């Protein structure tokens, strides 16, 4: 298997994409990721954390941080609602299940997340 490129290294054809189009494509991919996660509430945050090192809460924190960088005030609950598609407490009540001891152990053994 070939070596993975260095982080933030554009793919060879990415250099042909102008910055505005690249931003539009990245935004579209992000919106699709959020839509996908909203369609899959059966995928628990702890599973995302254990497999990928980030979860819906991480996405909401990154979203809020990006808003702050642009001078857009956004609270944590509002950022979470953007990602979850509903208030976080409502999502937890409807979809969150208790983590198993195995999931908790796997999570505890991982380095810091997103």
N, C-alpha and C. Protein backbone atom coordinates (compact mmCIF):
# COMPACT_ATOMS: atom_id res chain seq x y z
N UNK A 1 0.84 -1.17 0.00
CA UNK A 1 0.00 0.00 0.00
C UNK A 1 0.89 1.24 0.00
N UNK A 2 0.59 2.26 -0.84
CA UNK A 2 1.45 3.45 -0.88
C UNK A 2 1.35 4.24 0.41
N UNK A 3 2.40 5.02 0.69
CA UNK A 3 2.40 5.86 1.88
C UNK A 3 1.30 6.90 1.77
N UNK A 4 0.71 7.23 2.91
CA UNK A 4 -0.32 8.27 2.95
C UNK A 4 0.35 9.62 2.77
N UNK A 5 -0.33 10.57 2.09
CA UNK A 5 0.26 11.90 1.94
C UNK A 5 0.32 12.61 3.29
N UNK A 6 1.19 13.57 3.40
CA UNK A 6 1.26 14.38 4.61
C UNK A 6 -0.07 15.10 4.81
N UNK A 7 -0.48 15.32 6.06
CA UNK A 7 -1.72 16.05 6.30
C UNK A 7 -1.70 17.41 5.60
N UNK A 8 -2.85 17.82 5.10
CA UNK A 8 -3.05 19.10 4.42
C UNK A 8 -2.28 19.21 3.11
N UNK A 9 -1.79 18.09 2.59
CA UNK A 9 -1.14 18.09 1.29
C UNK A 9 -2.22 17.83 0.24
N UNK A 10 -2.42 18.78 -0.68
CA UNK A 10 -3.48 18.57 -1.66
C UNK A 10 -3.16 17.40 -2.60
N UNK A 11 -4.20 16.74 -3.03
CA UNK A 11 -4.05 15.68 -4.02
C UNK A 11 -3.53 16.32 -5.31
N UNK A 12 -2.89 15.53 -6.19
CA UNK A 12 -2.31 16.11 -7.40
C UNK A 12 -3.27 16.97 -8.22
N UNK A 13 -4.51 16.54 -8.38
CA UNK A 13 -5.46 17.30 -9.17
C UNK A 13 -6.10 18.44 -8.40
N UNK A 14 -5.91 18.49 -7.09
CA UNK A 14 -6.51 19.55 -6.28
C UNK A 14 -5.93 20.92 -6.64
N UNK A 15 -4.70 20.94 -7.12
CA UNK A 15 -4.08 22.21 -7.50
C UNK A 15 -4.85 22.87 -8.64
N UNK A 16 -5.65 22.11 -9.37
CA UNK A 16 -6.40 22.65 -10.49
C UNK A 16 -7.72 23.28 -10.04
N UNK A 17 -8.06 23.14 -8.77
CA UNK A 17 -9.31 23.68 -8.24
C UNK A 17 -9.03 25.04 -7.61
N UNK A 18 -9.77 26.05 -8.06
CA UNK A 18 -9.55 27.38 -7.50
C UNK A 18 -10.04 27.42 -6.05
N UNK A 19 -9.50 28.32 -5.25
CA UNK A 19 -9.82 28.35 -3.81
C UNK A 19 -11.32 28.49 -3.51
N UNK A 20 -12.04 29.30 -4.25
CA UNK A 20 -13.47 29.48 -3.99
C UNK A 20 -14.23 28.18 -4.25
N UNK A 21 -13.90 27.50 -5.34
CA UNK A 21 -14.56 26.24 -5.64
C UNK A 21 -14.19 25.19 -4.61
N UNK A 22 -12.93 25.19 -4.19
CA UNK A 22 -12.51 24.23 -3.16
C UNK A 22 -13.32 24.43 -1.88
N UNK A 23 -13.50 25.68 -1.47
CA UNK A 23 -14.30 25.97 -0.28
C UNK A 23 -15.73 25.49 -0.46
N UNK A 24 -16.31 25.70 -1.64
CA UNK A 24 -17.67 25.23 -1.91
C UNK A 24 -17.76 23.71 -1.84
N UNK A 25 -16.78 23.02 -2.38
CA UNK A 25 -16.76 21.56 -2.35
C UNK A 25 -16.61 21.05 -0.92
N UNK A 26 -15.70 21.67 -0.17
CA UNK A 26 -15.52 21.27 1.23
C UNK A 26 -16.80 21.50 2.03
N UNK A 27 -17.46 22.63 1.79
CA UNK A 27 -18.71 22.92 2.50
C UNK A 27 -19.79 21.91 2.13
N UNK A 28 -19.86 21.54 0.86
CA UNK A 28 -20.85 20.55 0.43
C UNK A 28 -20.58 19.19 1.07
N UNK A 29 -19.31 18.82 1.14
CA UNK A 29 -18.96 17.54 1.77
C UNK A 29 -19.30 17.58 3.26
N UNK A 30 -19.05 18.70 3.92
CA UNK A 30 -19.39 18.84 5.33
C UNK A 30 -20.90 18.73 5.54
N UNK A 31 -21.67 19.43 4.70
CA UNK A 31 -23.13 19.36 4.82
C UNK A 31 -23.62 17.94 4.63
N UNK A 32 -23.02 17.21 3.70
CA UNK A 32 -23.43 15.81 3.47
C UNK A 32 -23.05 14.93 4.65
N UNK A 33 -21.91 15.17 5.26
CA UNK A 33 -21.52 14.42 6.45
C UNK A 33 -22.52 14.65 7.57
N UNK A 34 -22.89 15.90 7.80
CA UNK A 34 -23.86 16.23 8.85
C UNK A 34 -25.20 15.57 8.54
N UNK A 35 -25.63 15.65 7.29
CA UNK A 35 -26.89 15.02 6.88
C UNK A 35 -26.83 13.51 7.13
N UNK A 36 -25.72 12.90 6.76
CA UNK A 36 -25.55 11.46 6.95
C UNK A 36 -25.64 11.09 8.44
N UNK A 37 -24.97 11.86 9.28
CA UNK A 37 -25.01 11.58 10.72
C UNK A 37 -26.41 11.78 11.29
N UNK A 38 -27.16 12.74 10.76
CA UNK A 38 -28.54 12.93 11.20
C UNK A 38 -29.42 11.75 10.78
N UNK A 39 -29.11 11.17 9.63
CA UNK A 39 -29.87 10.01 9.13
C UNK A 39 -29.49 8.73 9.87
N UNK A 40 -28.39 8.74 10.59
CA UNK A 40 -27.89 7.54 11.27
C UNK A 40 -27.74 7.76 12.77
N UNK A 41 -28.84 8.06 13.46
CA UNK A 41 -28.72 8.25 14.91
C UNK A 41 -28.38 6.95 15.63
N UNK A 42 -28.49 5.82 14.93
CA UNK A 42 -28.10 4.54 15.52
C UNK A 42 -26.59 4.45 15.72
N UNK A 43 -25.84 5.25 15.00
CA UNK A 43 -24.39 5.29 15.18
C UNK A 43 -24.12 6.20 16.37
N UNK A 44 -23.69 5.60 17.45
CA UNK A 44 -23.48 6.33 18.69
C UNK A 44 -22.18 7.13 18.65
N UNK A 45 -22.17 8.24 19.37
CA UNK A 45 -20.98 9.08 19.43
C UNK A 45 -19.77 8.31 19.94
N UNK A 46 -19.96 7.44 20.91
CA UNK A 46 -18.81 6.70 21.44
C UNK A 46 -18.22 5.77 20.38
N UNK A 47 -19.07 5.23 19.50
CA UNK A 47 -18.56 4.40 18.40
C UNK A 47 -17.75 5.25 17.43
N UNK A 48 -18.26 6.44 17.12
CA UNK A 48 -17.50 7.35 16.25
C UNK A 48 -16.15 7.68 16.89
N UNK A 49 -16.18 7.98 18.18
CA UNK A 49 -14.94 8.33 18.88
C UNK A 49 -13.95 7.16 18.85
N UNK A 50 -14.45 5.98 19.12
CA UNK A 50 -13.56 4.82 19.19
C UNK A 50 -13.00 4.44 17.82
N UNK A 51 -13.77 4.65 16.78
CA UNK A 51 -13.32 4.28 15.44
C UNK A 51 -12.59 5.40 14.71
N UNK A 52 -13.08 6.64 14.88
CA UNK A 52 -12.55 7.73 14.06
C UNK A 52 -11.88 8.84 14.86
N UNK A 53 -12.05 8.84 16.17
CA UNK A 53 -11.41 9.87 16.98
C UNK A 53 -12.16 11.19 17.02
N UNK A 54 -13.38 11.22 16.52
CA UNK A 54 -14.22 12.42 16.60
C UNK A 54 -15.67 11.97 16.62
N UNK A 55 -16.54 12.90 17.03
CA UNK A 55 -17.96 12.59 17.08
C UNK A 55 -18.77 13.84 16.71
N UNK A 56 -20.06 13.75 16.85
CA UNK A 56 -20.93 14.89 16.55
C UNK A 56 -20.58 16.09 17.42
N UNK A 57 -20.26 15.83 18.69
CA UNK A 57 -19.90 16.95 19.58
C UNK A 57 -18.62 17.63 19.10
N UNK A 58 -17.67 16.86 18.62
CA UNK A 58 -16.44 17.45 18.07
C UNK A 58 -16.78 18.34 16.88
N UNK A 59 -17.63 17.85 15.99
CA UNK A 59 -18.03 18.66 14.84
C UNK A 59 -18.66 19.97 15.29
N UNK A 60 -19.51 19.90 16.31
CA UNK A 60 -20.17 21.13 16.77
C UNK A 60 -19.15 22.10 17.37
N UNK A 61 -18.15 21.57 18.08
CA UNK A 61 -17.10 22.44 18.64
C UNK A 61 -16.27 23.07 17.53
N UNK A 62 -15.95 22.30 16.50
CA UNK A 62 -15.19 22.84 15.37
C UNK A 62 -16.01 23.90 14.64
N UNK A 63 -17.30 23.67 14.51
CA UNK A 63 -18.20 24.63 13.85
C UNK A 63 -18.23 25.93 14.65
N UNK A 64 -18.39 25.82 15.98
CA UNK A 64 -18.42 27.01 16.83
C UNK A 64 -17.10 27.75 16.76
N UNK A 65 -15.99 27.03 16.78
CA UNK A 65 -14.67 27.67 16.69
C UNK A 65 -14.50 28.41 15.37
N UNK A 66 -14.98 27.81 14.28
CA UNK A 66 -14.90 28.48 12.97
C UNK A 66 -15.75 29.74 12.97
N UNK A 67 -16.92 29.68 13.60
CA UNK A 67 -17.78 30.86 13.69
C UNK A 67 -17.07 31.96 14.47
N UNK A 68 -16.46 31.59 15.58
CA UNK A 68 -15.74 32.57 16.39
C UNK A 68 -14.60 33.22 15.61
N UNK A 69 -13.89 32.42 14.81
CA UNK A 69 -12.80 32.97 14.00
C UNK A 69 -13.30 34.03 13.03
N UNK A 70 -14.56 33.90 12.62
CA UNK A 70 -15.17 34.86 11.69
C UNK A 70 -15.93 35.97 12.43
N UNK A 71 -15.85 35.95 13.76
CA UNK A 71 -16.54 36.97 14.53
C UNK A 71 -18.03 36.74 14.66
N UNK A 72 -18.47 35.51 14.43
CA UNK A 72 -19.88 35.16 14.54
C UNK A 72 -20.12 34.51 15.89
N UNK A 73 -20.88 35.17 16.77
CA UNK A 73 -21.13 34.55 18.07
C UNK A 73 -22.05 33.34 17.92
N UNK A 74 -21.66 32.24 18.55
CA UNK A 74 -22.44 31.01 18.47
C UNK A 74 -22.19 30.23 19.76
N UNK A 75 -23.26 29.92 20.46
CA UNK A 75 -23.13 29.19 21.71
C UNK A 75 -22.93 27.70 21.42
N UNK A 76 -22.44 26.98 22.42
CA UNK A 76 -22.29 25.53 22.29
C UNK A 76 -23.64 24.86 21.99
N UNK A 77 -24.71 25.20 22.73
CA UNK A 77 -26.00 24.56 22.43
C UNK A 77 -26.49 24.85 21.01
N UNK A 78 -26.27 26.06 20.53
CA UNK A 78 -26.69 26.39 19.16
C UNK A 78 -25.86 25.63 18.13
N UNK A 79 -24.56 25.51 18.37
CA UNK A 79 -23.71 24.76 17.44
C UNK A 79 -24.10 23.28 17.44
N UNK A 80 -24.39 22.73 18.61
CA UNK A 80 -24.83 21.34 18.66
C UNK A 80 -26.14 21.14 17.92
N UNK A 81 -27.06 22.08 18.05
CA UNK A 81 -28.34 21.95 17.35
C UNK A 81 -28.14 21.98 15.84
N UNK A 82 -27.17 22.76 15.37
CA UNK A 82 -26.87 22.78 13.93
C UNK A 82 -26.40 21.40 13.47
N UNK A 83 -25.57 20.75 14.25
CA UNK A 83 -25.04 19.44 13.88
C UNK A 83 -26.07 18.34 14.09
N UNK A 84 -26.73 18.33 15.23
CA UNK A 84 -27.68 17.26 15.54
C UNK A 84 -29.02 17.42 14.84
N UNK A 85 -29.36 18.64 14.43
CA UNK A 85 -30.65 18.88 13.78
C UNK A 85 -31.78 19.02 14.77
N UNK A 86 -31.45 19.08 16.04
CA UNK A 86 -32.42 19.24 17.14
C UNK A 86 -31.62 19.60 18.38
N UNK A 87 -32.30 20.06 19.42
CA UNK A 87 -31.55 20.32 20.65
C UNK A 87 -30.85 19.04 21.13
N UNK A 88 -29.65 19.21 21.65
CA UNK A 88 -28.83 18.08 22.07
C UNK A 88 -29.54 17.20 23.09
N UNK A 89 -30.18 17.80 24.07
CA UNK A 89 -30.88 17.02 25.10
C UNK A 89 -31.98 16.16 24.47
N UNK A 90 -32.67 16.69 23.46
CA UNK A 90 -33.71 15.91 22.76
C UNK A 90 -33.08 14.74 22.02
N UNK A 91 -31.93 14.97 21.36
CA UNK A 91 -31.25 13.89 20.64
C UNK A 91 -30.82 12.80 21.63
N UNK A 92 -30.24 13.22 22.75
CA UNK A 92 -29.82 12.25 23.76
C UNK A 92 -31.00 11.39 24.21
N UNK A 93 -32.13 12.04 24.51
CA UNK A 93 -33.30 11.32 25.00
C UNK A 93 -33.85 10.35 23.97
N UNK A 94 -33.80 10.74 22.70
CA UNK A 94 -34.38 9.92 21.64
C UNK A 94 -33.43 8.84 21.12
N UNK A 95 -32.13 9.11 21.12
CA UNK A 95 -31.21 8.24 20.38
C UNK A 95 -30.03 7.68 21.16
N UNK A 96 -29.60 8.34 22.21
CA UNK A 96 -28.38 7.89 22.88
C UNK A 96 -28.66 6.67 23.75
N UNK A 97 -27.78 5.70 23.64
CA UNK A 97 -27.87 4.51 24.48
C UNK A 97 -26.68 4.50 25.43
N UNK A 98 -26.79 3.73 26.48
CA UNK A 98 -25.69 3.62 27.44
C UNK A 98 -24.51 2.92 26.79
N UNK A 99 -23.33 3.44 27.05
CA UNK A 99 -22.11 2.81 26.52
C UNK A 99 -21.83 1.53 27.29
N UNK A 100 -21.42 0.52 26.57
CA UNK A 100 -21.08 -0.75 27.20
C UNK A 100 -19.73 -0.62 27.92
N UNK A 101 -19.45 -1.52 28.83
CA UNK A 101 -18.13 -1.50 29.47
C UNK A 101 -16.99 -1.62 28.44
N UNK A 102 -17.20 -2.41 27.41
CA UNK A 102 -16.17 -2.55 26.37
C UNK A 102 -15.97 -1.23 25.62
N UNK A 103 -17.05 -0.54 25.29
CA UNK A 103 -16.94 0.75 24.61
C UNK A 103 -16.22 1.76 25.51
N UNK A 104 -16.57 1.78 26.78
CA UNK A 104 -15.95 2.70 27.72
C UNK A 104 -14.46 2.41 27.87
N UNK A 105 -14.10 1.13 27.93
CA UNK A 105 -12.68 0.76 28.05
C UNK A 105 -11.91 1.16 26.81
N UNK A 106 -12.50 0.94 25.64
CA UNK A 106 -11.83 1.32 24.40
C UNK A 106 -11.64 2.84 24.34
N UNK A 107 -12.66 3.57 24.75
CA UNK A 107 -12.59 5.03 24.76
C UNK A 107 -11.50 5.51 25.72
N UNK A 108 -11.44 4.92 26.90
CA UNK A 108 -10.47 5.32 27.91
C UNK A 108 -9.03 5.05 27.45
N UNK A 109 -8.85 4.06 26.59
CA UNK A 109 -7.50 3.70 26.14
C UNK A 109 -7.02 4.57 24.97
N UNK A 110 -7.91 5.36 24.40
CA UNK A 110 -7.53 6.19 23.24
C UNK A 110 -6.90 7.51 23.71
N UNK A 111 -6.05 8.07 22.85
CA UNK A 111 -5.54 9.43 23.15
C UNK A 111 -6.70 10.42 23.04
N UNK A 112 -6.42 11.65 23.39
CA UNK A 112 -7.46 12.68 23.33
C UNK A 112 -8.16 12.68 21.97
N UNK A 113 -9.40 13.09 21.98
CA UNK A 113 -10.19 13.12 20.76
C UNK A 113 -10.36 14.55 20.26
N UNK A 114 -10.94 14.62 19.03
CA UNK A 114 -11.23 15.83 18.30
C UNK A 114 -11.23 17.06 19.09
